[in-house]
Amino acid sequence: MTGTMNSKERMISAMSGKSVDRIPVMCQLSLGHIFKNAGLEALEYWFTPEGFAEGYILMAEKYGFDGILVNRWYGMDPDQYKKAVHQKNTHEGRLITFDDGRQYICPSNDYPRLLNEFPVSCRDISQVSPDEIHLISSAYESWSWFGNILDIVLARKKYTLSIHGEIGTSFESFLLTFGSFEAGLIAIMDDKGKSKEIISRINQNCLVYAIEQCRKGIDALKLSSPFAGAGFISADMYEELVLPYEKVIIDTVHRDFGIPCYIHTCGAIGDRLELMLESGADGLECLDPEPLGTVSLSDAVDRIGSRCFIKGNLDSVNELTKSPEEVRKIAKERIAIGQKANGYILSSACSVSPDVPPENIVALVEIAKNTGT
């Protein structure tokens, strides 16, 4: 019989395939959901590292989560709030004006929207050189305040909760280099060799950001690769343009820090679960069920449940918005299936949307605490 664990111990055991006292619960919350429910003022939350970190902590405590994902990984200018010269309420949300002329509308349940942002022009592969991707040796070259949000969360919660860092993978950044996802995909078709050179250079910087977070003391690293599912690229494209670069990061983190890594890919990944594990990942996240994705949890447990931990499979749009009673029933069903895997973490598939009622997330933890393993 496994004795009572604290949240950090419970998550570490689940991610390493060891026995747990109960199924852990840890959802990724959309930033809009946090802002809507944490009770923080718009300037404080969106534009100060202390406010942003407080949002993560408040919601983890409110819901009783076993861990926190700090996905605002690049940090934040600690003096940003001092540059706000005017604020007022509008029908769209809080309007914040900064001394350099920037204006943001902060809705009650979504990201701030920059009102005077210039449109991004698209480029083709002939206009982009691999050499324009500046290789960094430290994350602090990009942001002198790198990771200050993560620092605050670790200082307050590293001994009790499982704190996870995140990097965006090189494939998504590659697409955005061309101004749009469509332009990025066309670039691959026009010159795959040059495209892979660019992806490789971007990946070197991704690795730097990963290493810096590991040095700070995170318990796990999430590789966010939302556009690597079947709804966007084929399994063959994934194997050639995504997998090798994820593997470089995972191998390095395993070798140098010995902490688990897991991959987050949205939507349809039912055709590539085994392929994704060739990256060396310790776990997979999302596993969206139909209609958002193509993953049956029971099928995933049968196919990969002995090789990795599984996190997710609760549909934030079509399941977590139901009544608390229905959410409890769904969560209990998922636990019954998921606990047959080598490790299972009860979680929303992708981010918990702003429209999910807080009581439904509380219900997940209630069920986990009252369901045996």
Protein backbone atom coordinates (compact mmCIF):
# COMPACT_ATOMS: atom_id res chain seq x y z
CA MET A 1 0.00 0.00 0.00
CA THR A 2 1.38 3.36 -0.99
CA GLY A 3 1.38 5.83 1.89
CA THR A 4 -0.02 9.34 1.69
CA MET A 5 2.01 11.56 -0.62
CA ASN A 6 2.25 15.28 -1.06
CA SER A 7 1.51 16.67 -4.50
CA LYS A 8 5.12 16.85 -5.63
CA GLU A 9 5.78 13.23 -4.66
CA ARG A 10 2.55 12.11 -6.31
CA MET A 11 3.43 13.75 -9.63
CA ILE A 12 7.01 12.47 -9.63
CA SER A 13 5.77 8.94 -9.02
CA ALA A 14 3.12 9.15 -11.74
CA MET A 15 5.59 10.51 -14.29
CA SER A 16 8.10 7.77 -13.50
CA GLY A 17 5.58 4.91 -13.59
CA LYS A 18 5.65 4.21 -9.85
CA SER A 19 2.74 3.63 -7.50
CA VAL A 20 0.73 6.60 -6.31
CA ASP A 21 -1.65 7.05 -3.40
CA ARG A 22 -4.21 8.48 -5.85
CA ILE A 23 -4.35 9.75 -9.42
CA PRO A 24 -2.81 13.24 -9.58
CA VAL A 25 -4.66 16.15 -11.16
CA MET A 26 -2.95 18.95 -13.06
CA CYS A 27 -4.62 20.89 -15.86
CA GLN A 28 -3.05 23.49 -18.09
CA LEU A 29 -5.18 26.58 -17.67
CA SER A 30 -5.62 29.07 -20.48
CA LEU A 31 -4.31 32.47 -19.47
CA GLY A 32 -7.79 33.84 -20.10
CA HIS A 33 -9.24 31.35 -17.60
CA ILE A 34 -6.69 32.40 -14.99
CA PHE A 35 -7.37 36.10 -15.50
CA LYS A 36 -11.13 35.59 -15.41
CA ASN A 37 -11.04 33.65 -12.14
CA ALA A 38 -7.98 34.75 -10.15
CA GLY A 39 -9.37 38.16 -9.20
CA LEU A 40 -6.25 40.09 -10.23
CA GLU A 41 -6.32 43.58 -11.76
CA ALA A 42 -5.52 43.69 -15.50
CA LEU A 43 -2.28 45.68 -15.33
CA GLU A 44 -1.04 43.63 -12.37
CA TYR A 45 -1.73 40.28 -14.02
CA TRP A 46 -0.83 40.85 -17.64
CA PHE A 47 2.12 43.20 -17.20
CA THR A 48 4.00 42.29 -13.99
CA PRO A 49 5.91 39.06 -13.25
CA GLU A 50 4.63 39.07 -9.66
CA GLY A 51 1.00 39.29 -10.83
CA PHE A 52 1.45 36.62 -13.47
CA ALA A 53 3.10 34.24 -11.01
CA GLU A 54 0.37 34.98 -8.48
CA GLY A 55 -2.24 33.92 -11.04
CA TYR A 56 -0.60 30.51 -11.47
CA ILE A 57 -0.34 30.00 -7.72
CA LEU A 58 -3.82 31.23 -6.83
CA MET A 59 -5.51 28.94 -9.34
CA ALA A 60 -3.44 25.88 -8.37
CA GLU A 61 -4.46 26.46 -4.76
CA LYS A 62 -8.09 27.18 -5.66
CA TYR A 63 -8.40 23.93 -7.60
CA GLY A 64 -6.13 21.74 -5.48
CA PHE A 65 -3.83 20.84 -8.39
CA ASP A 66 -0.77 18.71 -7.84
CA GLY A 67 1.38 20.86 -10.11
CA ILE A 68 1.76 24.13 -11.98
CA LEU A 69 2.77 24.56 -15.61
CA VAL A 70 4.60 27.86 -16.04
CA ASN A 71 4.07 28.38 -19.74
CA ARG A 72 4.90 32.09 -19.76
CA TRP A 73 8.45 30.79 -19.88
CA TYR A 74 10.33 33.79 -21.25
CA GLY A 75 9.73 36.03 -18.24
CA MET A 76 8.51 39.61 -18.14
CA ASP A 77 9.95 43.12 -17.90
CA PRO A 78 9.66 43.89 -14.16
CA ASP A 79 9.30 47.63 -14.87
CA GLN A 80 6.60 47.30 -17.53
CA TYR A 81 3.78 48.41 -15.23
CA LYS A 82 5.60 51.69 -14.53
CA LYS A 83 5.25 52.60 -18.19
CA ALA A 84 1.44 52.55 -18.09
CA VAL A 85 0.29 56.15 -18.19
CA HIS A 86 -3.47 55.79 -18.49
CA GLN A 87 -6.18 53.22 -17.81
CA LYS A 88 -9.92 53.24 -18.32
CA ASN A 89 -12.80 50.80 -18.64
CA THR A 90 -14.48 50.32 -22.02
CA HIS A 91 -17.25 48.06 -23.27
CA GLU A 92 -14.55 45.73 -24.63
CA GLY A 93 -12.49 45.61 -21.44
CA ARG A 94 -9.79 47.55 -19.62
CA LEU A 95 -7.89 49.93 -21.94
CA ILE A 96 -4.25 50.40 -20.90
CA THR A 97 -2.06 53.03 -22.60
CA PHE A 98 1.73 52.95 -22.26
CA ASP A 99 4.17 55.83 -22.52
CA ASP A 100 5.46 54.66 -25.91
CA GLY A 101 1.97 54.89 -27.42
CA ARG A 102 1.02 51.22 -27.24
CA GLN A 103 -2.59 50.55 -26.28
CA TYR A 104 -3.96 47.25 -25.05
CA ILE A 105 -7.55 46.17 -24.56
CA CYS A 106 -7.77 43.59 -21.78
CA PRO A 107 -11.04 41.61 -22.04
CA SER A 108 -12.34 39.88 -18.94
CA ASN A 109 -11.57 36.39 -20.26
CA ASP A 110 -8.89 36.58 -22.92
CA TYR A 111 -5.39 37.78 -23.78
CA PRO A 112 -4.77 41.52 -24.08
CA ARG A 113 -5.16 42.77 -27.64
CA LEU A 114 -2.67 45.32 -28.97
CA LEU A 115 -4.74 47.95 -30.79
CA ASN A 116 -2.00 49.66 -32.78
CA GLU A 117 -0.06 46.62 -33.92
CA PHE A 118 1.30 46.71 -37.45
CA PRO A 119 0.28 43.82 -39.73
CA VAL A 120 2.89 41.11 -40.28
CA SER A 121 3.90 40.62 -43.91
CA CYS A 122 4.47 37.12 -45.21
CA ARG A 123 7.73 35.98 -46.82
CA ASP A 124 8.71 33.07 -49.00
CA ILE A 125 11.70 30.76 -48.59
CA SER A 126 13.85 32.81 -50.99
CA GLN A 127 13.56 35.79 -48.63
CA VAL A 128 14.70 33.97 -45.49
CA SER A 129 18.28 32.94 -44.76
CA PRO A 130 19.23 30.44 -42.04
CA ASP A 131 21.85 32.96 -40.92
CA GLU A 132 19.17 35.45 -39.88
CA ILE A 133 18.33 33.12 -36.98
CA HIS A 134 20.70 34.52 -34.36
CA LEU A 135 22.13 31.72 -32.23
CA ILE A 136 22.16 32.54 -28.54
CA SER A 137 24.36 31.08 -25.82
CA SER A 138 22.09 32.19 -22.98
CA ALA A 139 18.37 32.89 -22.71
CA TYR A 140 19.26 36.17 -21.05
CA GLU A 141 20.52 37.44 -24.42
CA SER A 142 16.87 37.55 -25.49
CA TRP A 143 15.35 38.73 -22.21
CA SER A 144 17.49 40.05 -19.37
CA TRP A 145 14.63 39.10 -17.05
CA PHE A 146 14.34 35.56 -18.47
CA GLY A 147 12.32 33.24 -16.26
CA ASN A 148 11.46 35.70 -13.49
CA ILE A 149 7.89 34.38 -13.40
CA LEU A 150 9.23 30.85 -13.02
CA ASP A 151 11.62 32.04 -10.28
CA ILE A 152 8.72 33.37 -8.21
CA VAL A 153 6.63 30.21 -8.59
CA LEU A 154 9.60 27.99 -7.68
CA ALA A 155 10.48 30.09 -4.65
CA ARG A 156 6.98 29.69 -3.25
CA LYS A 157 5.89 26.23 -4.37
CA LYS A 158 8.88 24.05 -5.35
CA TYR A 159 8.74 21.93 -2.20
CA THR A 160 5.02 21.16 -2.31
CA LEU A 161 3.90 21.18 -5.96
CA SER A 162 5.38 19.77 -9.16
CA ILE A 163 6.58 22.77 -11.17
CA HIS A 164 6.83 22.30 -14.92
CA GLY A 165 8.58 24.48 -17.48
CA GLU A 166 7.79 24.71 -21.17
CA ILE A 167 9.37 25.43 -24.51
CA GLY A 168 7.67 26.01 -27.82
CA THR A 169 9.20 23.64 -30.34
CA SER A 170 11.16 24.68 -33.42
CA PHE A 171 8.49 23.66 -35.95
CA GLU A 172 5.95 26.21 -34.75
CA SER A 173 8.61 28.95 -34.59
CA PHE A 174 9.71 28.01 -38.10
CA LEU A 175 6.21 28.51 -39.47
CA LEU A 176 5.90 31.89 -37.79
CA THR A 177 9.24 33.00 -39.29
CA PHE A 178 7.38 33.35 -42.60
CA GLY A 179 4.54 35.44 -41.19
CA SER A 180 1.82 32.80 -41.28
CA PHE A 181 1.40 29.05 -40.95
CA GLU A 182 0.39 28.81 -44.59
CA ALA A 183 3.53 30.62 -45.75
CA GLY A 184 5.65 28.33 -43.58
CA LEU A 185 4.13 25.19 -45.08
CA ILE A 186 4.65 26.56 -48.60
CA ALA A 187 8.29 27.24 -47.70
CA ILE A 188 8.75 23.54 -46.85
CA MET A 189 7.33 22.53 -50.20
CA ASP A 190 9.50 25.05 -52.06
CA ASP A 191 12.82 24.16 -50.39
CA LYS A 192 12.79 21.41 -47.80
CA GLY A 193 16.57 21.37 -47.39
CA LYS A 194 16.80 25.06 -46.57
CA SER A 195 13.74 24.76 -44.35
CA LYS A 196 15.46 22.06 -42.29
CA GLU A 197 18.53 24.27 -41.89
CA ILE A 198 16.32 27.02 -40.46
CA ILE A 199 14.49 24.59 -38.17
CA SER A 200 17.82 23.25 -36.90
CA ARG A 201 19.06 26.73 -35.98
CA ILE A 202 15.78 27.59 -34.24
CA ASN A 203 16.03 24.32 -32.34
CA GLN A 204 19.45 25.26 -30.99
CA ASN A 205 17.86 28.29 -29.36
CA CYS A 206 14.94 26.20 -28.09
CA LEU A 207 17.50 23.98 -26.38
CA VAL A 208 19.07 27.00 -24.66
CA TYR A 209 15.67 28.03 -23.26
CA ALA A 210 15.05 24.47 -22.08
CA ILE A 211 18.42 24.22 -20.35
CA GLU A 212 17.97 27.54 -18.54
CA GLN A 213 14.63 26.38 -17.10
CA CYS A 214 16.11 23.04 -16.05
CA ARG A 215 18.91 24.85 -14.24
CA LYS A 216 16.34 26.79 -12.27
CA GLY A 217 14.99 23.52 -10.86
CA ILE A 218 11.82 22.54 -12.71
CA ASP A 219 10.45 19.04 -12.11
CA ALA A 220 9.52 18.36 -15.74
CA LEU A 221 9.75 19.99 -19.15
CA LYS A 222 6.83 20.24 -21.53
CA LEU A 223 7.57 20.50 -25.25
CA SER A 224 4.65 22.37 -26.76
CA SER A 225 4.18 21.27 -30.35
CA PRO A 226 0.56 22.17 -31.11
CA PHE A 227 0.81 22.11 -34.90
CA ALA A 228 2.39 18.67 -35.25
CA GLY A 229 -0.85 16.68 -35.35
CA ALA A 230 -2.55 14.96 -38.27
CA GLY A 231 -4.92 17.86 -38.76
CA PHE A 232 -1.92 19.93 -39.83
CA ILE A 233 0.92 17.70 -41.03
CA SER A 234 1.20 14.04 -42.02
CA ALA A 235 2.98 11.42 -39.95
CA ASP A 236 5.78 11.38 -42.53
CA MET A 237 6.24 15.13 -42.21
CA TYR A 238 6.20 14.80 -38.44
CA GLU A 239 8.90 12.15 -38.57
CA GLU A 240 11.13 14.31 -40.75
CA LEU A 241 10.48 17.87 -39.56
CA VAL A 242 9.49 17.58 -35.89
CA LEU A 243 10.64 14.33 -34.31
CA PRO A 244 14.44 14.68 -34.78
CA TYR A 245 14.49 18.13 -33.18
CA GLU A 246 12.31 17.14 -30.23
CA LYS A 247 14.65 14.20 -29.70
CA VAL A 248 17.71 16.48 -29.47
CA ILE A 249 16.09 18.48 -26.66
CA ILE A 250 14.75 15.45 -24.78
CA ASP A 251 18.04 13.56 -24.99
CA THR A 252 19.94 16.58 -23.67
CA VAL A 253 17.53 17.19 -20.78
CA HIS A 254 17.61 13.51 -19.82
CA ARG A 255 21.40 13.35 -19.96
CA ASP A 256 22.17 16.60 -18.16
CA PHE A 257 19.27 16.96 -15.72
CA GLY A 258 17.51 13.61 -15.43
CA ILE A 259 14.00 15.06 -15.38
CA PRO A 260 11.00 13.85 -17.40
CA CYS A 261 9.94 15.47 -20.66
CA TYR A 262 6.51 15.28 -22.24
CA ILE A 263 5.09 16.39 -25.57
CA HIS A 264 1.95 18.47 -25.96
CA THR A 265 0.32 18.18 -29.38
CA CYS A 266 -3.27 19.23 -29.96
CA GLY A 267 -5.92 17.54 -32.05
CA ALA A 268 -5.50 14.42 -34.16
CA ILE A 269 -2.54 12.34 -32.98
CA GLY A 270 -4.16 8.91 -32.91
CA ASP A 271 -2.15 7.90 -35.97
CA ARG A 272 1.25 8.71 -34.43
CA LEU A 273 1.30 7.88 -30.72
CA GLU A 274 4.09 5.32 -31.06
CA LEU A 275 5.99 7.59 -33.43
CA MET A 276 5.92 10.45 -30.94
CA LEU A 277 7.53 8.22 -28.33
CA GLU A 278 10.52 7.69 -30.63
CA SER A 279 11.53 11.17 -29.43
CA GLY A 280 12.37 9.62 -26.07
CA ALA A 281 9.50 11.45 -24.38
CA ASP A 282 8.47 10.19 -20.95
CA GLY A 283 4.87 11.22 -21.49
CA LEU A 284 2.28 12.54 -23.94
CA GLU A 285 -0.25 15.29 -23.27
CA CYS A 286 -3.54 16.31 -24.83
CA LEU A 287 -4.76 13.06 -26.43
CA ASP A 288 -7.87 14.96 -27.48
CA PRO A 289 -10.89 12.67 -27.84
CA GLU A 290 -13.37 13.06 -30.66
CA PRO A 291 -14.58 15.45 -31.99
CA LEU A 292 -11.56 17.67 -31.23
CA GLY A 293 -9.07 14.87 -31.81
CA THR A 294 -8.78 11.19 -32.64
CA VAL A 295 -7.61 9.54 -29.41
CA SER A 296 -9.58 7.02 -27.41
CA LEU A 297 -8.00 6.79 -23.95
CA SER A 298 -8.50 3.04 -23.78
CA ASP A 299 -6.78 2.62 -27.15
CA ALA A 300 -3.91 4.87 -26.05
CA VAL A 301 -3.46 2.88 -22.83
CA ASP A 302 -3.37 -0.36 -24.80
CA ARG A 303 -0.86 0.98 -27.33
CA ILE A 304 1.52 3.10 -25.27
CA GLY A 305 0.37 2.85 -21.66
CA SER A 306 3.26 0.61 -20.67
CA ARG A 307 5.87 2.91 -22.22
CA CYS A 308 5.04 6.39 -20.93
CA PHE A 309 2.78 8.41 -18.68
CA ILE A 310 -0.40 9.83 -20.15
CA LYS A 311 -1.80 13.25 -19.28
CA GLY A 312 -5.11 14.57 -20.56
CA ASN A 313 -8.02 13.31 -22.68
CA LEU A 314 -10.69 15.51 -21.03
CA ASP A 315 -12.30 17.68 -23.70
CA SER A 316 -12.37 21.28 -22.41
CA VAL A 317 -14.96 22.34 -24.99
CA ASN A 318 -17.46 19.48 -25.06
CA GLU A 319 -16.99 17.78 -21.66
CA LEU A 320 -15.69 20.19 -19.03
CA THR A 321 -18.48 22.67 -19.81
CA LYS A 322 -21.16 20.18 -18.76
CA SER A 323 -22.77 20.11 -15.31
CA PRO A 324 -20.52 19.25 -12.32
CA GLU A 325 -22.34 15.93 -11.96
CA GLU A 326 -21.63 14.99 -15.57
CA VAL A 327 -17.99 16.11 -15.21
CA ARG A 328 -17.59 13.87 -12.15
CA LYS A 329 -18.97 10.92 -14.08
CA ILE A 330 -16.65 11.55 -17.05
CA ALA A 331 -13.63 12.01 -14.78
CA LYS A 332 -14.35 8.78 -12.94
CA GLU A 333 -14.55 6.91 -16.25
CA ARG A 334 -11.22 8.40 -17.39
CA ILE A 335 -9.52 7.45 -14.13
CA ALA A 336 -10.77 3.87 -14.41
CA ILE A 337 -9.14 3.61 -17.83
CA GLY A 338 -6.08 5.79 -17.25
CA GLN A 339 -4.93 4.10 -14.07
CA LYS A 340 -4.17 0.98 -16.12
CA ALA A 341 -1.33 2.91 -17.78
CA ASN A 342 2.21 3.10 -16.48
CA GLY A 343 1.29 6.53 -15.13
CA TYR A 344 -1.78 8.70 -15.56
CA ILE A 345 -2.43 12.35 -14.72
CA LEU A 346 -6.05 13.48 -14.84
CA SER A 347 -6.10 16.61 -16.95
CA SER A 348 -7.87 18.57 -19.60
CA ALA A 349 -6.64 17.60 -23.05
CA CYS A 350 -5.57 21.10 -24.03
CA SER A 351 -5.97 24.29 -22.00
CA VAL A 352 -9.00 24.79 -19.78
CA SER A 353 -10.96 27.45 -21.61
CA PRO A 354 -12.26 30.65 -19.97
CA ASP A 355 -15.81 29.32 -20.31
CA VAL A 356 -15.25 26.25 -18.12
CA PRO A 357 -16.96 26.82 -14.74
CA PRO A 358 -14.48 26.69 -11.83
CA GLU A 359 -16.68 24.23 -9.95
CA ASN A 360 -16.12 21.70 -12.73
CA ILE A 361 -12.35 21.80 -12.24
CA VAL A 362 -12.80 21.46 -8.48
CA ALA A 363 -14.92 18.38 -9.24
CA LEU A 364 -11.96 16.70 -10.98
CA VAL A 365 -9.87 16.83 -7.81
CA GLU A 366 -12.81 15.65 -5.69
CA ILE A 367 -13.21 12.58 -7.89
CA ALA A 368 -9.49 11.85 -7.92
CA LYS A 369 -9.35 12.00 -4.12
CA ASN A 370 -12.28 9.61 -3.81
CA THR A 371 -11.32 7.11 -6.49
CA GLY A 372 -8.90 4.31 -5.68
CA THR A 373 -5.84 3.44 -7.74
